[in-house]
Amino acid sequence: MTGMAWFVRTVRSGDTHLWSAAWNGYDLIRPVCAPEVEFRAMNRRPMRVCFYDDQRCPLCLRHSTARTPAPRPLTAVSA
């Protein structure tokens, strides 16, 4: 996988899952939390940010935060 992105399955709580950002918009998705399960997403494009916190899958969220490096503090650069 080249990158990860959120994909909508339904609008139920905890039912927005993480999958590859290289998804073509039509193939079935196998979420990182349950790769044996296939489903069609409601959206055709990956979402970089899951809009509703209560819809994010807790298992996928753990995968997302484990792969995302911690933000670096900003430093001032003198000219």
PDB file of N, CA and C in Angstrom:
ATOM      1  N   MET A   1       0.829  -1.177   0.000  1.00  0.00           N
ATOM      2  CA  MET A   1       0.000   0.000   0.000  1.00  0.00           C
ATOM      3  C   MET A   1       0.877   1.246   0.000  1.00  0.00           C
ATOM      4  N   THR A   2       0.510   2.197  -0.793  1.00  0.00           N
ATOM      5  CA  THR A   2       1.297   3.413  -0.874  1.00  0.00           C
ATOM      6  C   THR A   2       0.950   4.408   0.219  1.00  0.00           C
ATOM      7  N   GLY A   3      -0.257   4.403   0.688  1.00  0.00           N
ATOM      8  CA  GLY A   3      -0.697   5.314   1.737  1.00  0.00           C
ATOM      9  C   GLY A   3      -2.037   4.854   2.256  1.00  0.00           C
ATOM     10  N   MET A   4      -2.461   5.433   3.335  1.00  0.00           N
ATOM     11  CA  MET A   4      -3.723   5.033   3.930  1.00  0.00           C
ATOM     12  C   MET A   4      -4.708   6.192   3.860  1.00  0.00           C
ATOM     13  N   ALA A   5      -5.991   5.864   3.778  1.00  0.00           N
ATOM     14  CA  ALA A   5      -7.040   6.875   3.750  1.00  0.00           C
ATOM     15  C   ALA A   5      -8.308   6.269   4.331  1.00  0.00           C
ATOM     16  N   TRP A   6      -9.211   7.111   4.810  1.00  0.00           N
ATOM     17  CA  TRP A   6     -10.465   6.627   5.372  1.00  0.00           C
ATOM     18  C   TRP A   6     -11.482   6.383   4.276  1.00  0.00           C
ATOM     19  N   PHE A   7     -12.306   5.371   4.445  1.00  0.00           N
ATOM     20  CA  PHE A   7     -13.366   5.055   3.489  1.00  0.00           C
ATOM     21  C   PHE A   7     -14.664   4.822   4.239  1.00  0.00           C
ATOM     22  N   VAL A   8     -15.761   5.314   3.716  1.00  0.00           N
ATOM     23  CA  VAL A   8     -17.059   5.186   4.367  1.00  0.00           C
ATOM     24  C   VAL A   8     -17.730   3.889   3.940  1.00  0.00           C
ATOM     25  N   ARG A   9     -18.217   3.144   4.886  1.00  0.00           N
ATOM     26  CA  ARG A   9     -19.011   1.962   4.586  1.00  0.00           C
ATOM     27  C   ARG A   9     -20.484   2.274   4.796  1.00  0.00           C
ATOM     28  N   THR A  10     -20.826   2.759   5.948  1.00  0.00           N
ATOM     29  CA  THR A  10     -22.182   3.207   6.249  1.00  0.00           C
ATOM     30  C   THR A  10     -22.047   4.471   7.072  1.00  0.00           C
ATOM     31  N   VAL A  11     -23.112   4.920   7.650  1.00  0.00           N
ATOM     32  CA  VAL A  11     -23.032   6.083   8.519  1.00  0.00           C
ATOM     33  C   VAL A  11     -23.224   5.705   9.983  1.00  0.00           C
ATOM     34  N   ARG A  12     -23.092   4.413  10.287  1.00  0.00           N
ATOM     35  CA  ARG A  12     -23.207   3.964  11.677  1.00  0.00           C
ATOM     36  C   ARG A  12     -21.975   4.371  12.466  1.00  0.00           C
ATOM     37  N   SER A  13     -22.114   4.445  13.756  1.00  0.00           N
ATOM     38  CA  SER A  13     -20.997   4.748  14.635  1.00  0.00           C
ATOM     39  C   SER A  13     -19.919   3.674  14.496  1.00  0.00           C
ATOM     40  N   GLY A  14     -18.677   4.098  14.335  1.00  0.00           N
ATOM     41  CA  GLY A  14     -17.557   3.178  14.234  1.00  0.00           C
ATOM     42  C   GLY A  14     -17.471   2.427  12.925  1.00  0.00           C
ATOM     43  N   ASP A  15     -18.165   2.865  11.895  1.00  0.00           N
ATOM     44  CA  ASP A  15     -18.195   2.100  10.655  1.00  0.00           C
ATOM     45  C   ASP A  15     -17.538   2.836   9.477  1.00  0.00           C
ATOM     46  N   THR A  16     -16.537   3.630   9.763  1.00  0.00           N
ATOM     47  CA  THR A  16     -15.716   4.233   8.726  1.00  0.00           C
ATOM     48  C   THR A  16     -14.330   3.637   8.886  1.00  0.00           C
ATOM     49  N   HIS A  17     -13.853   2.963   7.863  1.00  0.00           N
ATOM     50  CA  HIS A  17     -12.648   2.149   7.988  1.00  0.00           C
ATOM     51  C   HIS A  17     -11.497   2.693   7.162  1.00  0.00           C
ATOM     52  N   LEU A  18     -10.314   2.211   7.476  1.00  0.00           N
ATOM     53  CA  LEU A  18      -9.083   2.630   6.831  1.00  0.00           C
ATOM     54  C   LEU A  18      -8.671   1.620   5.773  1.00  0.00           C
ATOM     55  N   TRP A  19      -8.264   2.139   4.607  1.00  0.00           N
ATOM     56  CA  TRP A  19      -7.772   1.287   3.534  1.00  0.00           C
ATOM     57  C   TRP A  19      -6.795   2.067   2.688  1.00  0.00           C
ATOM     58  N   SER A  20      -6.290   1.474   1.661  1.00  0.00           N
ATOM     59  CA  SER A  20      -5.259   2.074   0.827  1.00  0.00           C
ATOM     60  C   SER A  20      -5.760   3.296   0.070  1.00  0.00           C
ATOM     61  N   ALA A  21      -4.952   4.344   0.053  1.00  0.00           N
ATOM     62  CA  ALA A  21      -5.283   5.540  -0.721  1.00  0.00           C
ATOM     63  C   ALA A  21      -5.149   5.284  -2.216  1.00  0.00           C
ATOM     64  N   ALA A  22      -4.563   4.160  -2.605  1.00  0.00           N
ATOM     65  CA  ALA A  22      -4.410   3.807  -4.016  1.00  0.00           C
ATOM     66  C   ALA A  22      -5.651   3.105  -4.564  1.00  0.00           C
ATOM     67  N   TRP A  23      -6.690   2.998  -3.778  1.00  0.00           N
ATOM     68  CA  TRP A  23      -7.941   2.354  -4.183  1.00  0.00           C
ATOM     69  C   TRP A  23      -8.502   3.058  -5.416  1.00  0.00           C
ATOM     70  N   ASN A  24      -9.077   2.298  -6.339  1.00  0.00           N
ATOM     71  CA  ASN A  24      -9.556   2.864  -7.614  1.00  0.00           C
ATOM     72  C   ASN A  24     -10.982   3.396  -7.557  1.00  0.00           C
ATOM     73  N   GLY A  25     -11.653   3.295  -6.436  1.00  0.00           N
ATOM     74  CA  GLY A  25     -13.003   3.826  -6.301  1.00  0.00           C
ATOM     75  C   GLY A  25     -14.100   2.826  -6.623  1.00  0.00           C
ATOM     76  N   TYR A  26     -13.745   1.665  -7.131  1.00  0.00           N
ATOM     77  CA  TYR A  26     -14.769   0.688  -7.534  1.00  0.00           C
ATOM     78  C   TYR A  26     -14.576  -0.685  -6.909  1.00  0.00           C
ATOM     79  N   ASP A  27     -13.346  -1.107  -6.714  1.00  0.00           N
ATOM     80  CA  ASP A  27     -13.104  -2.435  -6.156  1.00  0.00           C
ATOM     81  C   ASP A  27     -13.615  -2.534  -4.727  1.00  0.00           C
ATOM     82  N   LEU A  28     -13.849  -3.759  -4.291  1.00  0.00           N
ATOM     83  CA  LEU A  28     -14.233  -3.992  -2.909  1.00  0.00           C
ATOM     84  C   LEU A  28     -13.077  -3.613  -1.992  1.00  0.00           C
ATOM     85  N   ILE A  29     -13.413  -3.201  -0.793  1.00  0.00           N
ATOM     86  CA  ILE A  29     -12.424  -2.795   0.199  1.00  0.00           C
ATOM     87  C   ILE A  29     -12.305  -3.876   1.254  1.00  0.00           C
ATOM     88  N   ARG A  30     -11.098  -4.126   1.689  1.00  0.00           N
ATOM     89  CA  ARG A  30     -10.821  -5.011   2.819  1.00  0.00           C
ATOM     90  C   ARG A  30     -10.152  -4.139   3.881  1.00  0.00           C
ATOM     91  N   PRO A  31     -10.884  -3.714   4.904  1.00  0.00           N
ATOM     92  CA  PRO A  31     -10.320  -2.773   5.873  1.00  0.00           C
ATOM     93  C   PRO A  31      -9.165  -3.380   6.662  1.00  0.00           C
ATOM     94  N   VAL A  32      -8.264  -2.535   7.146  1.00  0.00           N
ATOM     95  CA  VAL A  32      -7.117  -3.034   7.888  1.00  0.00           C
ATOM     96  C   VAL A  32      -7.528  -3.739   9.173  1.00  0.00           C
ATOM     97  N   CYS A  33      -8.706  -3.403   9.716  1.00  0.00           N
ATOM     98  CA  CYS A  33      -9.163  -4.025  10.959  1.00  0.00           C
ATOM     99  C   CYS A  33      -9.698  -5.434  10.742  1.00  0.00           C
ATOM    100  N   ALA A  34     -10.129  -5.747   9.522  1.00  0.00           N
ATOM    101  CA  ALA A  34     -10.707  -7.062   9.220  1.00  0.00           C
ATOM    102  C   ALA A  34     -10.479  -7.382   7.741  1.00  0.00           C
ATOM    103  N   PRO A  35      -9.264  -7.767   7.359  1.00  0.00           N
ATOM    104  CA  PRO A  35      -8.962  -7.986   5.946  1.00  0.00           C
ATOM    105  C   PRO A  35      -9.735  -9.135   5.301  1.00  0.00           C
ATOM    106  N   GLU A  36     -10.393  -9.963   6.097  1.00  0.00           N
ATOM    107  CA  GLU A  36     -11.187 -11.057   5.529  1.00  0.00           C
ATOM    108  C   GLU A  36     -12.583 -10.583   5.110  1.00  0.00           C
ATOM    109  N   VAL A  37     -12.961  -9.365   5.483  1.00  0.00           N
ATOM    110  CA  VAL A  37     -14.270  -8.801   5.170  1.00  0.00           C
ATOM    111  C   VAL A  37     -14.141  -7.877   3.963  1.00  0.00           C
ATOM    112  N   GLU A  38     -15.066  -8.005   3.005  1.00  0.00           N
ATOM    113  CA  GLU A  38     -15.079  -7.120   1.844  1.00  0.00           C
ATOM    114  C   GLU A  38     -16.367  -6.301   1.839  1.00  0.00           C
ATOM    115  N   PHE A  39     -16.263  -5.044   1.419  1.00  0.00           N
ATOM    116  CA  PHE A  39     -17.453  -4.218   1.285  1.00  0.00           C
ATOM    117  C   PHE A  39     -17.219  -3.143   0.244  1.00  0.00           C
ATOM    118  N   ARG A  40     -18.294  -2.536  -0.207  1.00  0.00           N
ATOM    119  CA  ARG A  40     -18.225  -1.394  -1.121  1.00  0.00           C
ATOM    120  C   ARG A  40     -18.372  -0.121  -0.305  1.00  0.00           C
ATOM    121  N   ALA A  41     -17.526   0.822  -0.591  1.00  0.00           N
ATOM    122  CA  ALA A  41     -17.601   2.099   0.111  1.00  0.00           C
ATOM    123  C   ALA A  41     -18.714   2.951  -0.479  1.00  0.00           C
ATOM    124  N   MET A  42     -19.259   3.839   0.330  1.00  0.00           N
ATOM    125  CA  MET A  42     -20.274   4.761  -0.166  1.00  0.00           C
ATOM    126  C   MET A  42     -19.633   5.872  -0.993  1.00  0.00           C
ATOM    127  N   ASN A  43     -18.399   6.213  -0.709  1.00  0.00           N
ATOM    128  CA  ASN A  43     -17.701   7.266  -1.442  1.00  0.00           C
ATOM    129  C   ASN A  43     -16.788   6.660  -2.501  1.00  0.00           C
ATOM    130  N   ARG A  44     -16.441   7.423  -3.496  1.00  0.00           N
ATOM    131  CA  ARG A  44     -15.574   6.960  -4.568  1.00  0.00           C
ATOM    132  C   ARG A  44     -14.144   7.472  -4.447  1.00  0.00           C
ATOM    133  N   ARG A  45     -13.910   8.408  -3.541  1.00  0.00           N
ATOM    134  CA  ARG A  45     -12.569   8.949  -3.337  1.00  0.00           C
ATOM    135  C   ARG A  45     -12.181   8.779  -1.875  1.00  0.00           C
ATOM    136  N   PRO A  46     -10.916   8.522  -1.621  1.00  0.00           N
ATOM    137  CA  PRO A  46     -10.483   8.390  -0.227  1.00  0.00           C
ATOM    138  C   PRO A  46     -10.608   9.722   0.503  1.00  0.00           C
ATOM    139  N   MET A  47     -10.850   9.646   1.792  1.00  0.00           N
ATOM    140  CA  MET A  47     -10.907  10.838   2.632  1.00  0.00           C
ATOM    141  C   MET A  47      -9.649  10.861   3.482  1.00  0.00           C
ATOM    142  N   ARG A  48      -8.884  11.905   3.389  1.00  0.00           N
ATOM    143  CA  ARG A  48      -7.670  12.007   4.202  1.00  0.00           C
ATOM    144  C   ARG A  48      -7.999  12.211   5.680  1.00  0.00           C
ATOM    145  N   VAL A  49      -9.155  12.808   5.948  1.00  0.00           N
ATOM    146  CA  VAL A  49      -9.584  13.057   7.317  1.00  0.00           C
ATOM    147  C   VAL A  49     -10.978  12.475   7.476  1.00  0.00           C
ATOM    148  N   CYS A  50     -11.163  11.714   8.522  1.00  0.00           N
ATOM    149  CA  CYS A  50     -12.494  11.197   8.818  1.00  0.00           C
ATOM    150  C   CYS A  50     -13.275  12.312   9.493  1.00  0.00           C
ATOM    151  N   PHE A  51     -14.352  12.776   8.873  1.00  0.00           N
ATOM    152  CA  PHE A  51     -15.060  13.966   9.325  1.00  0.00           C
ATOM    153  C   PHE A  51     -15.705  13.819  10.691  1.00  0.00           C
ATOM    154  N   TYR A  52     -16.227  12.660  11.006  1.00  0.00           N
ATOM    155  CA  TYR A  52     -16.969  12.467  12.247  1.00  0.00           C
ATOM    156  C   TYR A  52     -16.208  11.503  13.144  1.00  0.00           C
ATOM    157  N   ASP A  53     -15.727  12.004  14.270  1.00  0.00           N
ATOM    158  CA  ASP A  53     -14.920  11.192  15.177  1.00  0.00           C
ATOM    159  C   ASP A  53     -15.627   9.926  15.630  1.00  0.00           C
ATOM    160  N   ASP A  54     -16.957   9.993  15.830  1.00  0.00           N
ATOM    161  CA  ASP A  54     -17.671   8.823  16.335  1.00  0.00           C
ATOM    162  C   ASP A  54     -17.840   7.743  15.273  1.00  0.00           C
ATOM    163  N   GLN A  55     -17.547   8.047  14.001  1.00  0.00           N
ATOM    164  CA  GLN A  55     -17.689   7.038  12.948  1.00  0.00           C
ATOM    165  C   GLN A  55     -16.391   6.280  12.679  1.00  0.00           C
ATOM    166  N   ARG A  56     -15.273   6.766  13.197  1.00  0.00           N
ATOM    167  CA  ARG A  56     -14.003   6.082  12.943  1.00  0.00           C
ATOM    168  C   ARG A  56     -13.971   4.746  13.665  1.00  0.00           C
ATOM    169  N   CYS A  57     -13.519   3.745  12.960  1.00  0.00           N
ATOM    170  CA  CYS A  57     -13.365   2.414  13.547  1.00  0.00           C
ATOM    171  C   CYS A  57     -12.203   2.463  14.550  1.00  0.00           C
ATOM    172  N   PRO A  58     -12.412   2.052  15.806  1.00  0.00           N
ATOM    173  CA  PRO A  58     -11.333   2.110  16.795  1.00  0.00           C
ATOM    174  C   PRO A  58     -10.117   1.268  16.401  1.00  0.00           C
ATOM    175  N   LEU A  59     -10.329   0.111  15.765  1.00  0.00           N
ATOM    176  CA  LEU A  59      -9.205  -0.733  15.354  1.00  0.00           C
ATOM    177  C   LEU A  59      -8.428  -0.090  14.208  1.00  0.00           C
ATOM    178  N   CYS A  60      -9.139   0.453  13.228  1.00  0.00           N
ATOM    179  CA  CYS A  60      -8.476   1.143  12.121  1.00  0.00           C
ATOM    180  C   CYS A  60      -7.753   2.387  12.625  1.00  0.00           C
ATOM    181  N   LEU A  61      -8.351   3.068  13.586  1.00  0.00           N
ATOM    182  CA  LEU A  61      -7.744   4.269  14.139  1.00  0.00           C
ATOM    183  C   LEU A  61      -6.395   3.938  14.771  1.00  0.00           C
ATOM    184  N   ARG A  62      -6.307   2.816  15.463  1.00  0.00           N
ATOM    185  CA  ARG A  62      -5.026   2.397  16.052  1.00  0.00           C
ATOM    186  C   ARG A  62      -3.974   2.173  14.973  1.00  0.00           C
ATOM    187  N   HIS A  63      -4.378   1.558  13.847  1.00  0.00           N
ATOM    188  CA  HIS A  63      -3.449   1.357  12.735  1.00  0.00           C
ATOM    189  C   HIS A  63      -3.009   2.696  12.155  1.00  0.00           C
ATOM    190  N   SER A  64      -3.939   3.619  12.064  1.00  0.00           N
ATOM    191  CA  SER A  64      -3.655   4.932  11.494  1.00  0.00           C
ATOM    192  C   SER A  64      -2.643   5.683  12.342  1.00  0.00           C
ATOM    193  N   THR A  65      -2.846   5.714  13.642  1.00  0.00           N
ATOM    194  CA  THR A  65      -1.947   6.470  14.510  1.00  0.00           C
ATOM    195  C   THR A  65      -0.604   5.771  14.658  1.00  0.00           C
ATOM    196  N   ALA A  66      -0.569   4.456  14.505  1.00  0.00           N
ATOM    197  CA  ALA A  66       0.694   3.734  14.604  1.00  0.00           C
ATOM    198  C   ALA A  66       1.584   4.016  13.399  1.00  0.00           C
ATOM    199  N   ARG A  67       0.994   4.297  12.238  1.00  0.00           N
ATOM    200  CA  ARG A  67       1.759   4.534  11.022  1.00  0.00           C
ATOM    201  C   ARG A  67       2.080   5.996  10.779  1.00  0.00           C
ATOM    202  N   THR A  68       1.398   6.875  11.505  1.00  0.00           N
ATOM    203  CA  THR A  68       1.590   8.310  11.298  1.00  0.00           C
ATOM    204  C   THR A  68       2.658   8.818  12.250  1.00  0.00           C
ATOM    205  N   PRO A  69       3.738   9.399  11.728  1.00  0.00           N
ATOM    206  CA  PRO A  69       4.764   9.912  12.623  1.00  0.00           C
ATOM    207  C   PRO A  69       4.247  11.098  13.434  1.00  0.00           C
ATOM    208  N   ALA A  70       4.775  11.256  14.613  1.00  0.00           N
ATOM    209  CA  ALA A  70       4.376  12.381  15.451  1.00  0.00           C
ATOM    210  C   ALA A  70       4.803  13.684  14.780  1.00  0.00           C
ATOM    211  N   PRO A  71       3.961  14.714  14.890  1.00  0.00           N
ATOM    212  CA  PRO A  71       4.333  15.983  14.259  1.00  0.00           C
ATOM    213  C   PRO A  71       5.575  16.574  14.897  1.00  0.00           C
ATOM    214  N   ARG A  72       6.424  17.177  14.077  1.00  0.00           N
ATOM    215  CA  ARG A  72       7.626  17.808  14.589  1.00  0.00           C
ATOM    216  C   ARG A  72       7.291  19.219  15.045  1.00  0.00           C
ATOM    217  N   PRO A  73       7.917  19.666  16.136  1.00  0.00           N
ATOM    218  CA  PRO A  73       7.658  21.038  16.557  1.00  0.00           C
ATOM    219  C   PRO A  73       8.220  22.025  15.532  1.00  0.00           C
ATOM    220  N   LEU A  74       7.546  23.132  15.370  1.00  0.00           N
ATOM    221  CA  LEU A  74       8.016  24.153  14.452  1.00  0.00           C
ATOM    222  C   LEU A  74       9.192  24.881  15.065  1.00  0.00           C
ATOM    223  N   THR A  75      10.183  25.187  14.269  1.00  0.00           N
ATOM    224  CA  THR A  75      11.324  25.942  14.750  1.00  0.00           C
ATOM    225  C   THR A  75      11.480  27.198  13.943  1.00  0.00           C
ATOM    226  N   ALA A  76      11.915  28.229  14.591  1.00  0.00           N
ATOM    227  CA  ALA A  76      12.123  29.497  13.893  1.00  0.00           C
ATOM    228  C   ALA A  76      13.453  29.459  13.152  1.00  0.00           C
ATOM    229  N   VAL A  77      13.463  30.024  11.973  1.00  0.00           N
ATOM    230  CA  VAL A  77      14.689  30.095  11.170  1.00  0.00           C
ATOM    231  C   VAL A  77      15.010  31.564  10.977  1.00  0.00           C
ATOM    232  N   SER A  78      16.191  31.956  11.375  1.00  0.00           N
ATOM    233  CA  SER A  78      16.569  33.361  11.197  1.00  0.00           C
ATOM    234  C   SER A  78      17.108  33.575   9.786  1.00  0.00           C
ATOM    235  N   ALA A  79      16.834  34.726   9.230  1.00  0.00           N
ATOM    236  CA  ALA A  79      17.255  35.022   7.855  1.00  0.00           C
ATOM    237  C   ALA A  79      18.646  35.578   7.794  1.00  0.00           C
TER     238      ALA A  79
END
